[in-house]
Amino acid sequence: MDRYERINALHRILKSARYPVTVPRLQEELGCSRATVYRDLAFLRDALMAPVVGDGEAGFRYESGDAGRFELPGLWLNSEELHALLAAQQLLARTGGGVLSSALAPLHQRIEGLLAEHAGGKRWPVERVRVIPHRTRRTDEHAFRTAASAVLERKRLAFEYRARSTDEKTRRIVSPQRITHYRDNWYLDAWDHEREALRSFSVDRIGNARVLEEEALDIGDDQLDQHLSSSYGIFSGEPKGWATIVFSPKASRWVADEHWHSMQQGRWLPDGRYELKVPYGTSRELLMDVLHYGSDAEIIEPKSLREQARSLLSLALSQYDRD
């Protein structure tokens, strides 16, 4: 039973109870731990404003007089839950008439039903909430299905890969570890057997993919997280160091609220600028994000990264010096 179902069940129990309901009984009926019962009661009382009264000794109930009047609000999903639900619904709608359409129809109906439950039986105008893809790249569906199958079946995968940076085509044999959706595009995290290292491959650059008979080599979650999440962006790897970026007062109002990395460090400077520090392994993606802010961002350290940014800006400026 997930949290949404538990909250609904807890509401029904308390609404119909004539006497306080003990925590052990709630544990049994909800199928959860004592700590979860207390968390759900607190969420029901503090976030949904339910008239919950009582304590752990005597039990809990709805305050007399309010039990019959209180109903769960129409929508109590948080922003992440709402995004996930509507993103799933809109992604399903975009599958068109493919193989997945009929297979995923029950899930589509379940999402619509879930939204209707939040609305008290009415239809939510979901078209008024938009999830807009950003810079989505065209993906070969065969490559995606083959890569995803290899991940789930735990089989090795052979494919041709055309690197975006050099346009060079190479042949790879990998042990797929994870399929990752990042910034509206799909990536394959895998162990490259020839290079004997973890790599991330953009699925839209994979061609002629086929699943092999050999079992995939499994890399532990700790090692995967350390390698793929320890430094900035999808092209992470082991961090080379920390980048220090300073943003203008205008840009700082945005950057101070942004999540760039789980280990980022940020502080306001006396003159209203904002200093952000992030670990990085490959500079490519970090530079793209910093240069996105134009003159409102300056890389302070390390010197090598600052020089890379200077070179990129000089090349960009040279495009406008032509007659």
Protein backbone atom coordinates (compact mmCIF):
# COMPACT_ATOMS: atom_id res chain seq x y z
CA MET A 1 0.00 0.00 0.00
CA ASP A 2 1.54 3.32 -1.05
CA ARG A 3 1.23 6.58 0.87
CA TYR A 4 -1.76 7.83 -1.12
CA GLU A 5 -3.69 4.62 -0.42
CA ARG A 6 -2.66 4.65 3.24
CA ILE A 7 -3.80 8.25 3.75
CA ASN A 8 -7.16 7.47 2.18
CA ALA A 9 -7.52 4.33 4.28
CA LEU A 10 -6.49 6.20 7.44
CA HIS A 11 -9.05 8.90 6.68
CA ARG A 12 -11.82 6.31 6.24
CA ILE A 13 -10.89 4.56 9.49
CA LEU A 14 -10.86 7.75 11.56
CA LYS A 15 -13.99 9.14 9.89
CA SER A 16 -16.02 6.04 10.71
CA ALA A 17 -14.59 5.40 14.19
CA ARG A 18 -16.84 6.16 17.16
CA TYR A 19 -13.99 5.70 19.63
CA PRO A 20 -10.22 6.40 19.46
CA VAL A 21 -8.33 3.92 17.29
CA THR A 22 -5.13 2.52 18.78
CA VAL A 23 -1.80 2.62 16.98
CA PRO A 24 -1.46 -1.22 16.91
CA ARG A 25 -4.85 -1.46 15.18
CA LEU A 26 -3.82 1.20 12.64
CA GLN A 27 -0.58 -0.70 12.02
CA GLU A 28 -2.55 -3.87 11.33
CA GLU A 29 -5.15 -2.27 9.06
CA LEU A 30 -2.66 -0.15 7.13
CA GLY A 31 0.04 -2.83 6.97
CA CYS A 32 2.86 -0.51 8.03
CA SER A 33 5.22 0.22 10.91
CA ARG A 34 4.49 2.26 14.02
CA ALA A 35 6.73 5.08 12.79
CA THR A 36 4.84 5.20 9.47
CA VAL A 37 1.51 5.43 11.31
CA TYR A 38 2.75 8.47 13.23
CA ARG A 39 4.13 10.08 10.06
CA ASP A 40 0.82 9.57 8.24
CA LEU A 41 -1.16 10.94 11.18
CA ALA A 42 1.08 14.02 11.27
CA PHE A 43 0.71 14.51 7.49
CA LEU A 44 -3.07 14.13 7.73
CA ARG A 45 -3.25 16.65 10.61
CA ASP A 46 -0.59 19.21 9.61
CA ALA A 47 -0.60 19.15 5.81
CA LEU A 48 -4.22 18.23 5.04
CA MET A 49 -5.69 20.03 8.08
CA ALA A 50 -7.63 17.00 9.29
CA PRO A 51 -9.17 17.33 12.80
CA VAL A 52 -7.00 14.54 14.28
CA VAL A 53 -6.93 14.39 18.08
CA GLY A 54 -5.58 11.86 20.57
CA ASP A 55 -2.26 10.34 21.55
CA GLY A 56 -0.30 7.12 21.33
CA GLU A 57 -1.76 5.75 24.56
CA ALA A 58 -5.51 6.24 24.17
CA GLY A 59 -5.53 6.22 20.36
CA PHE A 60 -6.57 8.69 17.67
CA ARG A 61 -9.85 9.92 16.22
CA TYR A 62 -11.41 12.89 14.46
CA GLU A 63 -12.58 15.62 16.80
CA SER A 64 -16.26 15.31 17.62
CA GLY A 65 -18.44 17.42 15.34
CA ASP A 66 -15.80 17.69 12.61
CA ALA A 67 -15.61 14.03 11.60
CA GLY A 68 -18.67 14.19 9.36
CA ARG A 69 -17.73 17.47 7.73
CA PHE A 70 -14.03 16.91 6.93
CA GLU A 71 -13.06 15.51 3.54
CA LEU A 72 -9.65 15.14 1.97
CA PRO A 73 -8.82 18.10 -0.26
CA GLY A 74 -9.10 17.71 -4.03
CA LEU A 75 -5.35 17.73 -4.75
CA TRP A 76 -2.68 17.06 -2.16
CA LEU A 77 0.13 15.86 -4.39
CA ASN A 78 3.37 17.76 -3.94
CA SER A 79 5.10 19.33 -6.95
CA GLU A 80 7.32 16.31 -7.66
CA GLU A 81 4.41 13.87 -7.43
CA LEU A 82 2.24 16.02 -9.69
CA HIS A 83 5.07 16.31 -12.24
CA ALA A 84 5.66 12.56 -12.20
CA LEU A 85 1.97 11.77 -12.58
CA LEU A 86 1.30 14.24 -15.39
CA ALA A 87 4.59 13.48 -17.14
CA ALA A 88 3.66 9.79 -17.17
CA GLN A 89 0.19 10.62 -18.46
CA GLN A 90 1.50 12.86 -21.24
CA LEU A 91 4.26 10.42 -22.20
CA LEU A 92 1.64 7.70 -22.52
CA ALA A 93 -0.48 9.98 -24.67
CA ARG A 94 2.51 10.55 -26.99
CA THR A 95 3.06 6.82 -27.60
CA GLY A 96 0.54 7.09 -30.43
CA GLY A 97 -0.49 3.83 -32.03
CA GLY A 98 2.64 1.87 -31.22
CA VAL A 99 2.98 -1.48 -29.51
CA LEU A 100 2.87 0.13 -26.08
CA SER A 101 -0.47 1.86 -26.59
CA SER A 102 -2.67 -1.12 -25.84
CA ALA A 103 -0.32 -2.53 -23.23
CA LEU A 104 -0.21 0.74 -21.32
CA ALA A 105 -3.88 1.63 -21.69
CA PRO A 106 -4.74 0.29 -18.20
CA LEU A 107 -1.97 2.45 -16.70
CA HIS A 108 -3.30 5.49 -18.55
CA GLN A 109 -6.78 4.78 -17.16
CA ARG A 110 -5.34 4.30 -13.67
CA ILE A 111 -3.62 7.70 -13.80
CA GLU A 112 -6.83 9.37 -14.93
CA GLY A 113 -8.68 7.55 -12.16
CA LEU A 114 -6.14 8.66 -9.60
CA LEU A 115 -6.52 12.28 -10.66
CA ALA A 116 -10.30 11.88 -10.52
CA GLU A 117 -10.05 10.52 -6.97
CA HIS A 118 -8.12 13.64 -5.99
CA ALA A 119 -10.87 15.75 -7.54
CA GLY A 120 -13.66 14.01 -5.65
CA GLY A 121 -14.88 12.09 -8.69
CA LYS A 122 -14.71 15.03 -11.09
CA ARG A 123 -12.39 15.20 -14.08
CA TRP A 124 -9.30 17.34 -13.57
CA PRO A 125 -8.61 19.61 -16.57
CA VAL A 126 -5.14 18.11 -16.99
CA GLU A 127 -4.68 20.00 -20.25
CA ARG A 128 -4.18 23.09 -18.07
CA VAL A 129 -1.01 21.59 -16.59
CA ARG A 130 1.76 21.19 -19.18
CA VAL A 131 4.98 19.18 -19.09
CA ILE A 132 7.07 20.61 -21.92
CA PRO A 133 10.01 18.59 -23.30
CA HIS A 134 13.21 20.59 -23.62
CA ARG A 135 15.72 19.85 -26.39
CA THR A 136 14.47 16.31 -26.80
CA ARG A 137 16.52 14.40 -29.37
CA ARG A 138 15.10 11.90 -31.82
CA THR A 139 15.76 8.36 -30.61
CA ASP A 140 15.87 5.17 -32.67
CA GLU A 141 13.12 3.11 -31.05
CA HIS A 142 14.86 -0.16 -31.93
CA ALA A 143 18.04 1.02 -30.21
CA PHE A 144 16.08 2.10 -27.16
CA ARG A 145 14.10 -1.14 -26.87
CA THR A 146 17.24 -3.24 -27.36
CA ALA A 147 19.24 -1.27 -24.77
CA ALA A 148 16.39 -1.33 -22.25
CA SER A 149 15.91 -5.08 -22.79
CA ALA A 150 19.60 -5.73 -22.19
CA VAL A 151 19.44 -3.74 -18.94
CA LEU A 152 16.41 -5.65 -17.69
CA GLU A 153 17.50 -9.09 -18.92
CA ARG A 154 21.04 -8.56 -17.54
CA LYS A 155 22.66 -9.46 -20.88
CA ARG A 156 25.65 -7.91 -22.64
CA LEU A 157 24.98 -5.51 -25.48
CA ALA A 158 26.87 -4.90 -28.74
CA PHE A 159 26.35 -1.73 -30.76
CA GLU A 160 27.93 0.94 -32.92
CA TYR A 161 28.40 4.29 -31.22
CA ARG A 162 28.94 7.59 -32.98
CA ALA A 163 30.43 10.05 -30.50
CA ARG A 164 28.77 13.44 -30.70
CA SER A 165 32.00 15.34 -29.99
CA THR A 166 34.09 13.75 -32.81
CA ASP A 167 31.44 11.99 -34.95
CA GLU A 168 33.75 8.97 -34.82
CA LYS A 169 32.03 5.58 -35.02
CA THR A 170 33.28 2.78 -32.75
CA ARG A 171 32.10 -0.71 -31.96
CA ARG A 172 31.28 -1.35 -28.32
CA ILE A 173 30.49 -4.42 -26.21
CA VAL A 174 29.16 -3.45 -22.82
CA SER A 175 27.47 -4.77 -19.72
CA PRO A 176 24.44 -2.48 -19.29
CA GLN A 177 23.86 -1.25 -15.75
CA ARG A 178 21.13 1.36 -15.90
CA ILE A 179 18.97 3.20 -18.41
CA THR A 180 18.75 6.85 -17.37
CA HIS A 181 16.33 9.60 -18.38
CA TYR A 182 18.13 12.93 -18.01
CA ARG A 183 17.07 16.32 -19.33
CA ASP A 184 14.40 14.73 -21.55
CA ASN A 185 16.82 12.30 -23.20
CA TRP A 186 17.84 8.68 -22.57
CA TYR A 187 21.31 7.47 -21.62
CA LEU A 188 22.77 4.00 -21.11
CA ASP A 189 25.14 3.61 -18.16
CA ALA A 190 27.32 0.58 -18.83
CA TRP A 191 30.62 -1.18 -18.23
CA ASP A 192 32.71 -0.95 -21.40
CA HIS A 193 34.61 -4.24 -21.67
CA GLU A 194 37.31 -3.00 -24.08
CA ARG A 195 38.07 0.12 -22.05
CA GLU A 196 37.45 -1.64 -18.74
CA ALA A 197 35.62 1.36 -17.34
CA LEU A 198 32.13 2.72 -16.69
CA ARG A 199 30.72 4.88 -19.48
CA SER A 200 27.48 6.74 -20.25
CA PHE A 201 26.16 6.48 -23.82
CA SER A 202 23.53 8.72 -25.37
CA VAL A 203 20.91 6.29 -26.70
CA ASP A 204 20.19 8.49 -29.72
CA ARG A 205 23.82 7.85 -30.87
CA ILE A 206 23.54 4.05 -30.62
CA GLY A 207 23.05 2.04 -33.81
CA ASN A 208 22.82 -1.62 -34.85
CA ALA A 209 22.28 -2.71 -31.27
CA ARG A 210 21.84 -6.38 -30.43
CA VAL A 211 21.58 -8.31 -27.17
CA LEU A 212 24.25 -10.98 -26.71
CA GLU A 213 23.96 -14.34 -24.97
CA GLU A 214 26.65 -13.57 -22.37
CA GLU A 215 25.52 -12.51 -18.93
CA ALA A 216 26.17 -8.88 -18.07
CA LEU A 217 28.82 -8.05 -15.50
CA ASP A 218 27.09 -6.47 -12.51
CA ILE A 219 28.65 -3.40 -10.92
CA GLY A 220 27.64 -2.65 -7.34
CA ASP A 221 25.30 0.26 -6.67
CA ASP A 222 27.87 1.99 -4.49
CA GLN A 223 30.47 1.94 -7.26
CA LEU A 224 27.93 3.10 -9.83
CA ASP A 225 26.77 5.97 -7.64
CA GLN A 226 30.32 6.98 -6.82
CA HIS A 227 31.34 7.07 -10.47
CA LEU A 228 28.17 8.38 -12.08
CA SER A 229 26.94 10.76 -9.39
CA SER A 230 30.11 12.07 -7.76
CA SER A 231 30.70 14.92 -10.19
CA TYR A 232 28.72 17.27 -12.38
CA GLY A 233 26.20 16.13 -14.98
CA ILE A 234 25.55 13.00 -17.00
CA PHE A 235 29.20 12.88 -18.16
CA SER A 236 30.39 12.65 -14.58
CA GLY A 237 33.13 10.11 -13.91
CA GLU A 238 35.57 10.59 -11.10
CA PRO A 239 35.75 14.30 -10.22
CA LYS A 240 38.87 16.14 -11.40
CA GLY A 241 38.28 18.93 -8.96
CA TRP A 242 35.91 21.68 -7.96
CA ALA A 243 34.72 24.55 -10.13
CA THR A 244 34.02 27.93 -8.61
CA ILE A 245 31.56 30.10 -10.53
CA VAL A 246 30.41 33.59 -9.56
CA PHE A 247 27.10 34.94 -10.86
CA SER A 248 25.96 38.53 -11.19
CA PRO A 249 23.34 39.86 -8.75
CA LYS A 250 20.70 39.53 -11.48
CA ALA A 251 21.50 35.90 -12.30
CA SER A 252 22.00 35.06 -8.63
CA ARG A 253 18.28 35.32 -7.98
CA TRP A 254 17.86 32.25 -10.20
CA VAL A 255 21.04 30.32 -9.48
CA ALA A 256 20.69 30.46 -5.68
CA ASP A 257 17.48 28.43 -6.01
CA GLU A 258 18.83 25.92 -8.54
CA HIS A 259 20.07 22.40 -7.85
CA TRP A 260 23.23 21.76 -9.89
CA HIS A 261 24.72 18.91 -7.85
CA SER A 262 24.04 17.04 -4.60
CA MET A 263 27.39 18.22 -3.17
CA GLN A 264 27.22 21.82 -4.39
CA GLN A 265 28.26 24.65 -2.10
CA GLY A 266 26.84 28.12 -2.46
CA ARG A 267 27.12 31.43 -0.66
CA TRP A 268 26.08 35.04 -1.14
CA LEU A 269 28.88 37.54 -1.55
CA PRO A 270 28.75 40.98 0.12
CA ASP A 271 28.16 42.76 -3.21
CA GLY A 272 25.03 40.69 -4.03
CA ARG A 273 26.73 38.18 -6.30
CA TYR A 274 26.42 34.43 -5.70
CA GLU A 275 29.32 31.97 -5.57
CA LEU A 276 28.64 28.36 -6.53
CA LYS A 277 31.08 25.47 -6.18
CA VAL A 278 30.47 22.08 -7.84
CA PRO A 279 32.63 18.99 -8.39
CA TYR A 280 33.15 18.04 -12.03
CA GLY A 281 34.81 15.28 -14.01
CA THR A 282 34.24 16.22 -17.66
CA SER A 283 34.05 19.95 -18.33
CA ARG A 284 31.80 19.79 -21.40
CA GLU A 285 28.38 19.91 -19.79
CA LEU A 286 29.42 22.24 -16.99
CA LEU A 287 30.78 24.74 -19.51
CA MET A 288 27.55 24.61 -21.52
CA ASP A 289 25.50 25.40 -18.43
CA VAL A 290 27.79 28.20 -17.27
CA LEU A 291 28.01 29.82 -20.71
CA HIS A 292 24.22 29.71 -20.86
CA TYR A 293 24.33 32.67 -18.45
CA GLY A 294 26.59 34.68 -20.75
CA SER A 295 28.09 37.77 -19.14
CA ASP A 296 26.25 37.05 -15.89
CA ALA A 297 28.59 34.14 -15.01
CA GLU A 298 32.35 33.98 -14.48
CA ILE A 299 34.42 30.87 -13.80
CA ILE A 300 36.96 31.75 -11.11
CA GLU A 301 38.68 28.40 -10.56
CA PRO A 302 40.34 26.25 -11.68
CA LYS A 303 42.46 28.20 -14.12
CA SER A 304 42.28 25.43 -16.76
CA LEU A 305 38.47 25.54 -16.79
CA ARG A 306 38.53 29.34 -16.92
CA GLU A 307 40.81 29.18 -19.96
CA GLN A 308 38.50 26.69 -21.66
CA ALA A 309 35.60 29.08 -21.17
CA ARG A 310 37.70 31.97 -22.50
CA SER A 311 38.58 29.98 -25.65
CA LEU A 312 34.95 29.03 -26.29
CA LEU A 313 33.82 32.62 -25.88
CA SER A 314 36.58 33.84 -28.22
CA LEU A 315 35.54 31.33 -30.86
CA ALA A 316 31.92 32.40 -30.50
CA LEU A 317 32.88 36.07 -30.81
CA SER A 318 34.95 35.38 -33.92
CA GLN A 319 31.78 34.22 -35.69
CA TYR A 320 30.49 37.79 -35.46
CA ASP A 321 33.71 39.41 -36.67
CA ARG A 322 33.21 38.19 -40.21
CA ASP A 323 32.01 40.61 -42.88
